[in-house]
Amino acid sequence: QVQLVESGGGLVQAGGSLRLSCAASGSTFSSSALAWYRQAPGKQRELVAAINSGGGTNYADSVKGRFTISRDNAKNTVHLQMNSLKPEDTAVYYCKESPYRGLYDYWGQGTQVTVSS
């Protein structure tokens, strides 16, 4: 049973930084693809950043140059470093694990990020 637990959300002023973490248990973490998504009120959930098992990354255009995704396979953790935050980054942020050749994706419960102007 895979469980993902996010942490690190909060309230920050525009221009500030936050670092989100997602700890996984019960999975073959090192071979999984990992991603961060976000969902703002009234909007669809969208991909923010992803990292594959080899460390390759991709980002939404809206966060390129400001956010960095990284993984620590020794600690079964994926991070999202968010710099130069904007009010439009306000959302609930979710991590997702896609196990290699797995049938299902796994989601965390989400963590709220609020950026004030």
Protein backbone atom coordinates (compact mmCIF):
# COMPACT_ATOMS: atom_id res chain seq x y z
CA GLN A 1 0.00 0.00 0.00
CA VAL A 2 1.65 3.20 -1.20
CA GLN A 3 1.17 6.27 0.95
CA LEU A 4 2.29 9.78 0.10
CA VAL A 5 2.40 12.59 2.64
CA GLU A 6 3.04 16.18 1.59
CA SER A 7 4.37 18.91 3.85
CA GLY A 8 5.80 22.40 3.62
CA GLY A 9 2.82 24.41 2.45
CA GLY A 10 1.78 27.66 4.04
CA LEU A 11 1.23 31.37 3.62
CA VAL A 12 3.95 33.46 2.02
CA GLN A 13 4.21 36.94 0.52
CA ALA A 14 4.72 37.43 -3.19
CA GLY A 15 8.39 37.05 -4.06
CA GLY A 16 8.98 34.61 -1.24
CA SER A 17 9.93 30.94 -1.28
CA LEU A 18 8.59 27.64 -0.02
CA ARG A 19 9.89 24.10 -0.20
CA LEU A 20 7.37 21.30 -0.46
CA SER A 21 8.23 17.74 0.44
CA CYS A 22 6.45 14.48 -0.26
CA ALA A 23 7.43 11.35 1.64
CA ALA A 24 6.50 7.97 0.21
CA SER A 25 6.12 4.65 1.94
CA GLY A 26 5.32 1.19 0.70
CA SER A 27 6.58 1.70 -2.83
CA THR A 28 9.46 0.96 -5.15
CA PHE A 29 10.27 4.64 -5.06
CA SER A 30 13.54 4.71 -6.96
CA SER A 31 11.99 3.29 -10.13
CA SER A 32 8.89 5.48 -10.04
CA ALA A 33 8.12 8.66 -11.90
CA LEU A 34 7.14 11.49 -9.57
CA ALA A 35 5.27 14.71 -10.12
CA TRP A 36 3.76 17.73 -8.45
CA TYR A 37 0.35 18.98 -9.49
CA ARG A 38 -1.73 21.89 -8.25
CA GLN A 39 -5.36 22.83 -8.21
CA ALA A 40 -6.65 26.33 -7.64
CA PRO A 41 -10.28 27.01 -6.68
CA GLY A 42 -12.56 26.62 -9.68
CA LYS A 43 -9.78 25.31 -11.90
CA GLN A 44 -8.65 21.92 -13.12
CA ARG A 45 -5.71 20.16 -11.58
CA GLU A 46 -2.57 20.91 -13.60
CA LEU A 47 0.91 19.49 -13.84
CA VAL A 48 3.55 21.71 -12.25
CA ALA A 49 6.71 19.61 -12.49
CA ALA A 50 7.77 16.01 -13.04
CA ILE A 51 10.91 13.95 -12.58
CA ASN A 52 11.58 10.48 -13.94
CA SER A 53 13.60 7.67 -12.41
CA GLY A 54 16.71 8.84 -14.24
CA GLY A 55 16.41 12.38 -12.92
CA GLY A 56 15.05 13.96 -16.08
CA THR A 57 12.66 16.83 -15.39
CA ASN A 58 9.99 18.88 -17.08
CA TYR A 59 8.06 21.93 -15.93
CA ALA A 60 4.94 23.86 -16.74
CA ASP A 61 5.80 27.02 -18.64
CA SER A 62 4.32 29.13 -15.85
CA VAL A 63 6.90 27.90 -13.31
CA LYS A 64 10.03 27.45 -15.43
CA GLY A 65 12.99 29.23 -13.90
CA ARG A 66 11.22 29.61 -10.54
CA PHE A 67 10.47 26.05 -9.37
CA THR A 68 12.80 23.08 -9.07
CA ILE A 69 11.78 19.46 -8.56
CA SER A 70 14.23 17.01 -7.02
CA ARG A 71 14.18 13.53 -5.56
CA ASP A 72 16.06 11.77 -2.78
CA ASN A 73 15.76 8.04 -3.38
CA ALA A 74 17.58 7.23 -0.14
CA LYS A 75 14.82 8.98 1.80
CA ASN A 76 11.91 8.16 -0.53
CA THR A 77 11.19 11.85 -0.82
CA VAL A 78 10.46 14.28 -3.62
CA HIS A 79 10.79 18.03 -3.18
CA LEU A 80 9.51 21.11 -4.93
CA GLN A 81 11.54 24.25 -4.32
CA MET A 82 9.39 27.25 -5.18
CA ASN A 83 11.03 30.66 -5.53
CA SER A 84 9.74 34.06 -6.64
CA LEU A 85 6.23 33.01 -5.75
CA LYS A 86 3.29 34.86 -7.27
CA PRO A 87 -0.33 35.16 -6.12
CA GLU A 88 -1.33 33.00 -9.08
CA ASP A 89 0.69 30.14 -7.59
CA THR A 90 -1.92 29.89 -4.84
CA ALA A 91 -3.38 26.37 -4.92
CA VAL A 92 -3.46 23.01 -3.23
CA TYR A 93 -0.34 21.14 -4.28
CA TYR A 94 -0.38 17.36 -4.70
CA CYS A 95 2.39 14.88 -5.28
CA LYS A 96 1.88 11.86 -7.49
CA GLU A 97 3.85 8.66 -7.80
CA SER A 98 3.63 6.52 -10.94
CA PRO A 99 5.29 3.18 -10.23
CA TYR A 100 7.28 1.61 -13.07
CA ARG A 101 4.94 -0.73 -14.96
CA GLY A 102 2.33 -0.10 -12.28
CA LEU A 103 -1.37 -0.21 -12.93
CA TYR A 104 -2.18 2.77 -10.74
CA ASP A 105 -0.92 6.19 -9.83
CA TYR A 106 -0.84 7.25 -6.20
CA TRP A 107 -1.66 10.70 -4.84
CA GLY A 108 -0.98 12.51 -1.63
CA GLN A 109 -3.63 14.39 0.31
CA GLY A 110 -2.41 17.81 -0.79
CA THR A 111 -0.89 20.81 0.94
CA GLN A 112 -2.18 24.38 0.69
CA VAL A 113 0.06 27.11 -0.68
CA THR A 114 -1.21 30.66 -0.40
CA VAL A 115 0.73 33.60 -1.84
CA SER A 116 -0.40 37.05 -0.75
CA SER A 117 0.13 40.15 -2.87
